[in-house]
Amino acid sequence: MTIFTYSRVSTLDQNTKMQVEALKVAYPDAVHRQEKKSGTTTRGREVLNLLSDMINQGDKLVVWKLDRLARNTGDLCKIVDHLESRGASLEILDQKIDTSTATGKAFLQMLGVFAEFETNLRKERQLAGIAVAKANGKHLGRRSSLTGDQKQEIQVKNKAGMNPTTLSKEYGVSRGTIYNVLKETAYGSRCLI
């Protein structure tokens, strides 16, 4: 039987030190793997996929916390089903869950539902905050790289015959930015044909 541990953080400026230490204390001889990828989905998580392929009959995958493995019930069920199909089990240290037992399996499924519920609540709060910000006239997204005066100059120069490539070099922005400025008014219509 081989024990594999998996630790994950969502961003490059975070580290897995606390997770790895807890996993190494519990299983010092385990095969330890870690990655820095978002946990909202299991897609693109190469280390997790590699571990899933390495696991065989009787092996165990150990994670520090449930949300380090999956943040929605669908992904969690897929991982657990995959492990079961290979004759392996999952252990979550923090919650003391082991899917090799019926109780552990049932408890894990309930935790998965709550993890997904928490993620959905977070999304709802985020969307509500964005709606309030928009209602209050707050600018969302990246600031324009051009001032209003520069945009007017671009439109006038284009109308006078200057092409978008030349304008983009003059203002130090991409041609796409110039085209977007020209789309704002009818001045740019002749160059968009």
C-alpha atoms as a PDB file:
ATOM      1  CA  MET A   1       0.000   0.000   0.000  1.00  0.00           C
ATOM      2  CA  THR A   2       1.300   3.417  -1.002  1.00  0.00           C
ATOM      3  CA  ILE A   3       0.149   6.613   0.655  1.00  0.00           C
ATOM      4  CA  PHE A   4       0.098   9.743  -1.481  1.00  0.00           C
ATOM      5  CA  THR A   5      -0.366  13.199   0.002  1.00  0.00           C
ATOM      6  CA  TYR A   6      -1.623  16.154  -1.990  1.00  0.00           C
ATOM      7  CA  SER A   7      -1.418  19.812  -1.016  1.00  0.00           C
ATOM      8  CA  ARG A   8      -2.621  22.778  -3.040  1.00  0.00           C
ATOM      9  CA  VAL A   9      -2.787  26.549  -2.893  1.00  0.00           C
ATOM     10  CA  SER A  10      -4.670  28.781  -5.304  1.00  0.00           C
ATOM     11  CA  THR A  11      -2.108  31.456  -6.137  1.00  0.00           C
ATOM     12  CA  LEU A  12       1.611  31.709  -6.734  1.00  0.00           C
ATOM     13  CA  ASP A  13       2.144  34.035  -3.740  1.00  0.00           C
ATOM     14  CA  GLN A  14       0.685  31.466  -1.307  1.00  0.00           C
ATOM     15  CA  ASN A  15       2.637  28.459  -0.047  1.00  0.00           C
ATOM     16  CA  THR A  16       1.792  24.938   1.015  1.00  0.00           C
ATOM     17  CA  LYS A  17       4.156  24.842   4.002  1.00  0.00           C
ATOM     18  CA  MET A  18       1.495  24.400   6.712  1.00  0.00           C
ATOM     19  CA  GLN A  19      -0.310  21.690   4.726  1.00  0.00           C
ATOM     20  CA  VAL A  20       2.886  19.812   3.883  1.00  0.00           C
ATOM     21  CA  GLU A  21       4.073  19.869   7.507  1.00  0.00           C
ATOM     22  CA  ALA A  22       0.758  18.452   8.773  1.00  0.00           C
ATOM     23  CA  LEU A  23       0.782  15.752   6.091  1.00  0.00           C
ATOM     24  CA  LYS A  24       4.417  14.809   6.787  1.00  0.00           C
ATOM     25  CA  VAL A  25       3.749  14.533  10.527  1.00  0.00           C
ATOM     26  CA  ALA A  26       0.854  12.149   9.862  1.00  0.00           C
ATOM     27  CA  TYR A  27       2.565  10.234   7.031  1.00  0.00           C
ATOM     28  CA  PRO A  28       6.338  10.825   6.978  1.00  0.00           C
ATOM     29  CA  ASP A  29       6.982   8.034   4.452  1.00  0.00           C
ATOM     30  CA  ALA A  30       4.235   9.044   2.014  1.00  0.00           C
ATOM     31  CA  VAL A  31       4.774  10.242  -1.537  1.00  0.00           C
ATOM     32  CA  HIS A  32       4.219  14.001  -1.165  1.00  0.00           C
ATOM     33  CA  ARG A  33       3.010  16.153  -4.062  1.00  0.00           C
ATOM     34  CA  GLN A  34       1.892  19.787  -4.226  1.00  0.00           C
ATOM     35  CA  GLU A  35       0.708  22.342  -6.762  1.00  0.00           C
ATOM     36  CA  LYS A  36      -0.374  25.950  -7.139  1.00  0.00           C
ATOM     37  CA  LYS A  37      -3.654  25.973  -9.046  1.00  0.00           C
ATOM     38  CA  SER A  38      -7.145  27.326  -8.447  1.00  0.00           C
ATOM     39  CA  GLY A  39      -9.455  24.919  -6.685  1.00  0.00           C
ATOM     40  CA  THR A  40     -12.709  26.003  -8.277  1.00  0.00           C
ATOM     41  CA  THR A  41     -12.405  23.096 -10.690  1.00  0.00           C
ATOM     42  CA  THR A  42     -10.188  20.036 -11.058  1.00  0.00           C
ATOM     43  CA  ARG A  43      -9.472  20.842 -14.711  1.00  0.00           C
ATOM     44  CA  GLY A  44      -5.854  21.805 -15.338  1.00  0.00           C
ATOM     45  CA  ARG A  45      -4.580  20.416 -12.051  1.00  0.00           C
ATOM     46  CA  GLU A  46      -1.763  18.305 -13.486  1.00  0.00           C
ATOM     47  CA  VAL A  47      -0.362  17.084 -10.154  1.00  0.00           C
ATOM     48  CA  LEU A  48      -3.760  15.855  -8.972  1.00  0.00           C
ATOM     49  CA  ASN A  49      -4.342  14.136 -12.318  1.00  0.00           C
ATOM     50  CA  LEU A  50      -0.901  12.508 -12.138  1.00  0.00           C
ATOM     51  CA  LEU A  51      -1.605  11.227  -8.629  1.00  0.00           C
ATOM     52  CA  SER A  52      -4.976   9.887  -9.776  1.00  0.00           C
ATOM     53  CA  ASP A  53      -3.205   7.890 -12.471  1.00  0.00           C
ATOM     54  CA  MET A  54      -0.518   6.593 -10.071  1.00  0.00           C
ATOM     55  CA  ILE A  55      -2.940   5.310  -7.422  1.00  0.00           C
ATOM     56  CA  ASN A  56      -3.621   1.568  -7.389  1.00  0.00           C
ATOM     57  CA  GLN A  57      -5.488  -1.064  -5.355  1.00  0.00           C
ATOM     58  CA  GLY A  58      -5.068  -0.491  -1.600  1.00  0.00           C
ATOM     59  CA  ASP A  59      -3.417   2.930  -1.960  1.00  0.00           C
ATOM     60  CA  LYS A  60      -4.603   6.021  -0.139  1.00  0.00           C
ATOM     61  CA  LEU A  61      -4.742   9.700  -1.114  1.00  0.00           C
ATOM     62  CA  VAL A  62      -4.416  12.038   1.873  1.00  0.00           C
ATOM     63  CA  VAL A  63      -5.216  15.764   1.891  1.00  0.00           C
ATOM     64  CA  TRP A  64      -5.056  18.270   4.722  1.00  0.00           C
ATOM     65  CA  LYS A  65      -8.517  19.800   4.188  1.00  0.00           C
ATOM     66  CA  LEU A  66     -11.419  19.030   1.882  1.00  0.00           C
ATOM     67  CA  ASP A  67     -11.229  22.372   0.058  1.00  0.00           C
ATOM     68  CA  ARG A  68      -7.623  21.612  -0.921  1.00  0.00           C
ATOM     69  CA  LEU A  69      -8.994  18.751  -3.022  1.00  0.00           C
ATOM     70  CA  ALA A  70     -12.356  19.978  -4.356  1.00  0.00           C
ATOM     71  CA  ARG A  71     -14.713  22.897  -3.890  1.00  0.00           C
ATOM     72  CA  ASN A  72     -17.854  21.441  -5.403  1.00  0.00           C
ATOM     73  CA  THR A  73     -19.742  18.225  -4.903  1.00  0.00           C
ATOM     74  CA  GLY A  74     -19.444  17.165  -8.532  1.00  0.00           C
ATOM     75  CA  ASP A  75     -15.638  17.276  -8.557  1.00  0.00           C
ATOM     76  CA  LEU A  76     -15.448  15.642  -5.139  1.00  0.00           C
ATOM     77  CA  CYS A  77     -17.702  12.773  -6.213  1.00  0.00           C
ATOM     78  CA  LYS A  78     -15.665  12.252  -9.396  1.00  0.00           C
ATOM     79  CA  ILE A  79     -12.436  12.058  -7.394  1.00  0.00           C
ATOM     80  CA  VAL A  80     -13.887   9.667  -4.815  1.00  0.00           C
ATOM     81  CA  ASP A  81     -15.486   7.504  -7.532  1.00  0.00           C
ATOM     82  CA  HIS A  82     -12.178   7.393  -9.422  1.00  0.00           C
ATOM     83  CA  LEU A  83     -10.309   6.362  -6.270  1.00  0.00           C
ATOM     84  CA  GLU A  84     -12.907   3.681  -5.505  1.00  0.00           C
ATOM     85  CA  SER A  85     -12.740   2.355  -9.073  1.00  0.00           C
ATOM     86  CA  ARG A  86      -9.008   1.869  -8.564  1.00  0.00           C
ATOM     87  CA  GLY A  87      -9.506   0.228  -5.163  1.00  0.00           C
ATOM     88  CA  ALA A  88      -8.049   3.202  -3.283  1.00  0.00           C
ATOM     89  CA  SER A  89      -9.377   5.458  -0.533  1.00  0.00           C
ATOM     90  CA  LEU A  90      -9.285   9.108   0.489  1.00  0.00           C
ATOM     91  CA  GLU A  91      -8.386  10.541   3.873  1.00  0.00           C
ATOM     92  CA  ILE A  92      -8.910  14.142   4.960  1.00  0.00           C
ATOM     93  CA  LEU A  93      -6.701  14.850   7.961  1.00  0.00           C
ATOM     94  CA  ASP A  94      -8.370  17.969   9.334  1.00  0.00           C
ATOM     95  CA  GLN A  95     -11.864  16.454   9.403  1.00  0.00           C
ATOM     96  CA  LYS A  96     -10.638  12.943  10.281  1.00  0.00           C
ATOM     97  CA  ILE A  97     -12.508  11.404   7.366  1.00  0.00           C
ATOM     98  CA  ASP A  98     -11.478   8.136   5.756  1.00  0.00           C
ATOM     99  CA  THR A  99     -13.522   6.825   2.815  1.00  0.00           C
ATOM    100  CA  SER A 100     -12.470   3.276   3.534  1.00  0.00           C
ATOM    101  CA  THR A 101     -15.297   3.324   6.138  1.00  0.00           C
ATOM    102  CA  ALA A 102     -19.045   3.760   5.501  1.00  0.00           C
ATOM    103  CA  THR A 103     -19.241   6.565   8.069  1.00  0.00           C
ATOM    104  CA  GLY A 104     -16.323   8.375   6.484  1.00  0.00           C
ATOM    105  CA  LYS A 105     -17.908   8.091   3.050  1.00  0.00           C
ATOM    106  CA  ALA A 106     -21.266   9.511   4.221  1.00  0.00           C
ATOM    107  CA  PHE A 107     -19.638  12.326   6.177  1.00  0.00           C
ATOM    108  CA  LEU A 108     -17.461  13.253   3.209  1.00  0.00           C
ATOM    109  CA  GLN A 109     -20.487  13.576   0.948  1.00  0.00           C
ATOM    110  CA  MET A 110     -22.165  15.881   3.460  1.00  0.00           C
ATOM    111  CA  LEU A 111     -19.034  18.028   3.713  1.00  0.00           C
ATOM    112  CA  GLY A 112     -18.918  18.239  -0.061  1.00  0.00           C
ATOM    113  CA  VAL A 113     -22.451  19.626  -0.118  1.00  0.00           C
ATOM    114  CA  PHE A 114     -21.530  22.254   2.480  1.00  0.00           C
ATOM    115  CA  ALA A 115     -18.324  23.192   0.644  1.00  0.00           C
ATOM    116  CA  GLU A 116     -20.319  23.774  -2.537  1.00  0.00           C
ATOM    117  CA  PHE A 117     -22.935  25.738  -0.572  1.00  0.00           C
ATOM    118  CA  GLU A 118     -20.212  27.981   0.861  1.00  0.00           C
ATOM    119  CA  THR A 119     -18.737  28.577  -2.606  1.00  0.00           C
ATOM    120  CA  ASN A 120     -22.184  29.495  -3.956  1.00  0.00           C
ATOM    121  CA  LEU A 121     -22.772  31.920  -1.069  1.00  0.00           C
ATOM    122  CA  ARG A 122     -19.406  33.550  -1.773  1.00  0.00           C
ATOM    123  CA  LYS A 123     -20.354  33.977  -5.449  1.00  0.00           C
ATOM    124  CA  GLU A 124     -23.729  35.476  -4.509  1.00  0.00           C
ATOM    125  CA  ARG A 125     -22.071  37.987  -2.157  1.00  0.00           C
ATOM    126  CA  GLN A 126     -19.545  38.895  -4.839  1.00  0.00           C
ATOM    127  CA  LEU A 127     -22.262  39.458  -7.456  1.00  0.00           C
ATOM    128  CA  ALA A 128     -24.306  41.516  -4.978  1.00  0.00           C
ATOM    129  CA  GLY A 129     -21.245  43.662  -4.236  1.00  0.00           C
ATOM    130  CA  ILE A 130     -20.630  44.216  -7.945  1.00  0.00           C
ATOM    131  CA  ALA A 131     -24.279  45.197  -8.474  1.00  0.00           C
ATOM    132  CA  VAL A 132     -24.083  47.728  -5.615  1.00  0.00           C
ATOM    133  CA  ALA A 133     -20.825  49.157  -6.992  1.00  0.00           C
ATOM    134  CA  LYS A 134     -22.354  49.537 -10.468  1.00  0.00           C
ATOM    135  CA  ALA A 135     -25.480  51.164  -9.008  1.00  0.00           C
ATOM    136  CA  ASN A 136     -23.243  53.665  -7.196  1.00  0.00           C
ATOM    137  CA  GLY A 137     -21.482  54.513 -10.460  1.00  0.00           C
ATOM    138  CA  LYS A 138     -18.193  52.874  -9.536  1.00  0.00           C
ATOM    139  CA  HIS A 139     -15.975  51.983 -12.493  1.00  0.00           C
ATOM    140  CA  LEU A 140     -15.376  48.235 -12.736  1.00  0.00           C
ATOM    141  CA  GLY A 141     -12.569  46.626 -14.660  1.00  0.00           C
ATOM    142  CA  ARG A 142      -9.295  47.984 -15.894  1.00  0.00           C
ATOM    143  CA  ARG A 143      -8.879  51.722 -16.303  1.00  0.00           C
ATOM    144  CA  SER A 144      -8.574  53.057 -19.836  1.00  0.00           C
ATOM    145  CA  SER A 145      -5.012  53.595 -21.000  1.00  0.00           C
ATOM    146  CA  LEU A 146      -6.139  56.745 -22.836  1.00  0.00           C
ATOM    147  CA  THR A 147      -7.628  59.954 -21.482  1.00  0.00           C
ATOM    148  CA  GLY A 148     -10.809  61.463 -22.883  1.00  0.00           C
ATOM    149  CA  ASP A 149      -8.754  64.154 -24.651  1.00  0.00           C
ATOM    150  CA  GLN A 150      -6.519  61.525 -26.263  1.00  0.00           C
ATOM    151  CA  LYS A 151      -9.568  59.614 -27.481  1.00  0.00           C
ATOM    152  CA  GLN A 152     -10.928  62.761 -29.125  1.00  0.00           C
ATOM    153  CA  GLU A 153      -7.524  63.434 -30.741  1.00  0.00           C
ATOM    154  CA  ILE A 154      -7.449  59.882 -32.116  1.00  0.00           C
ATOM    155  CA  GLN A 155     -10.908  60.278 -33.610  1.00  0.00           C
ATOM    156  CA  VAL A 156     -10.002  63.616 -35.227  1.00  0.00           C
ATOM    157  CA  LYS A 157      -6.664  62.308 -36.574  1.00  0.00           C
ATOM    158  CA  ASN A 158      -8.361  59.215 -37.984  1.00  0.00           C
ATOM    159  CA  LYS A 159     -10.983  61.353 -39.678  1.00  0.00           C
ATOM    160  CA  ALA A 160      -8.109  63.391 -41.174  1.00  0.00           C
ATOM    161  CA  GLY A 161      -6.660  60.208 -42.687  1.00  0.00           C
ATOM    162  CA  MET A 162      -4.261  58.742 -40.103  1.00  0.00           C
ATOM    163  CA  ASN A 163      -4.603  54.941 -39.981  1.00  0.00           C
ATOM    164  CA  PRO A 164      -5.034  52.859 -36.789  1.00  0.00           C
ATOM    165  CA  THR A 165      -1.542  51.323 -37.000  1.00  0.00           C
ATOM    166  CA  THR A 166       0.120  54.742 -37.012  1.00  0.00           C
ATOM    167  CA  LEU A 167      -2.182  55.952 -34.232  1.00  0.00           C
ATOM    168  CA  SER A 168      -1.389  52.911 -32.088  1.00  0.00           C
ATOM    169  CA  LYS A 169       2.358  53.583 -32.399  1.00  0.00           C
ATOM    170  CA  GLU A 170       1.908  57.289 -31.652  1.00  0.00           C
ATOM    171  CA  TYR A 171      -0.123  56.683 -28.483  1.00  0.00           C
ATOM    172  CA  GLY A 172       1.704  53.544 -27.355  1.00  0.00           C
ATOM    173  CA  VAL A 173      -1.368  51.318 -27.322  1.00  0.00           C
ATOM    174  CA  SER A 174      -2.515  48.317 -29.323  1.00  0.00           C
ATOM    175  CA  ARG A 175      -4.418  48.610 -32.593  1.00  0.00           C
ATOM    176  CA  GLY A 176      -7.352  46.941 -30.837  1.00  0.00           C
ATOM    177  CA  THR A 177      -7.476  49.835 -28.377  1.00  0.00           C
ATOM    178  CA  ILE A 178      -7.494  52.296 -31.280  1.00  0.00           C
ATOM    179  CA  TYR A 179     -10.304  50.383 -33.005  1.00  0.00           C
ATOM    180  CA  ASN A 180     -12.309  50.426 -29.765  1.00  0.00           C
ATOM    181  CA  VAL A 181     -11.872  54.204 -29.509  1.00  0.00           C
ATOM    182  CA  LEU A 182     -12.947  54.605 -33.128  1.00  0.00           C
ATOM    183  CA  LYS A 183     -16.029  52.445 -32.552  1.00  0.00           C
ATOM    184  CA  GLU A 184     -17.173  54.847 -29.826  1.00  0.00           C
ATOM    185  CA  THR A 185     -18.209  57.412 -32.457  1.00  0.00           C
ATOM    186  CA  ALA A 186     -18.956  57.564 -36.139  1.00  0.00           C
ATOM    187  CA  TYR A 187     -15.541  59.200 -36.766  1.00  0.00           C
ATOM    188  CA  GLY A 188     -13.941  55.803 -37.117  1.00  0.00           C
ATOM    189  CA  SER A 189     -16.492  54.351 -39.468  1.00  0.00           C
ATOM    190  CA  ARG A 190     -14.453  54.983 -42.621  1.00  0.00           C
ATOM    191  CA  CYS A 191     -11.432  53.038 -41.348  1.00  0.00           C
ATOM    192  CA  LEU A 192     -13.492  50.080 -40.178  1.00  0.00           C
ATOM    193  CA  ILE A 193     -14.798  49.295 -43.681  1.00  0.00           C
END
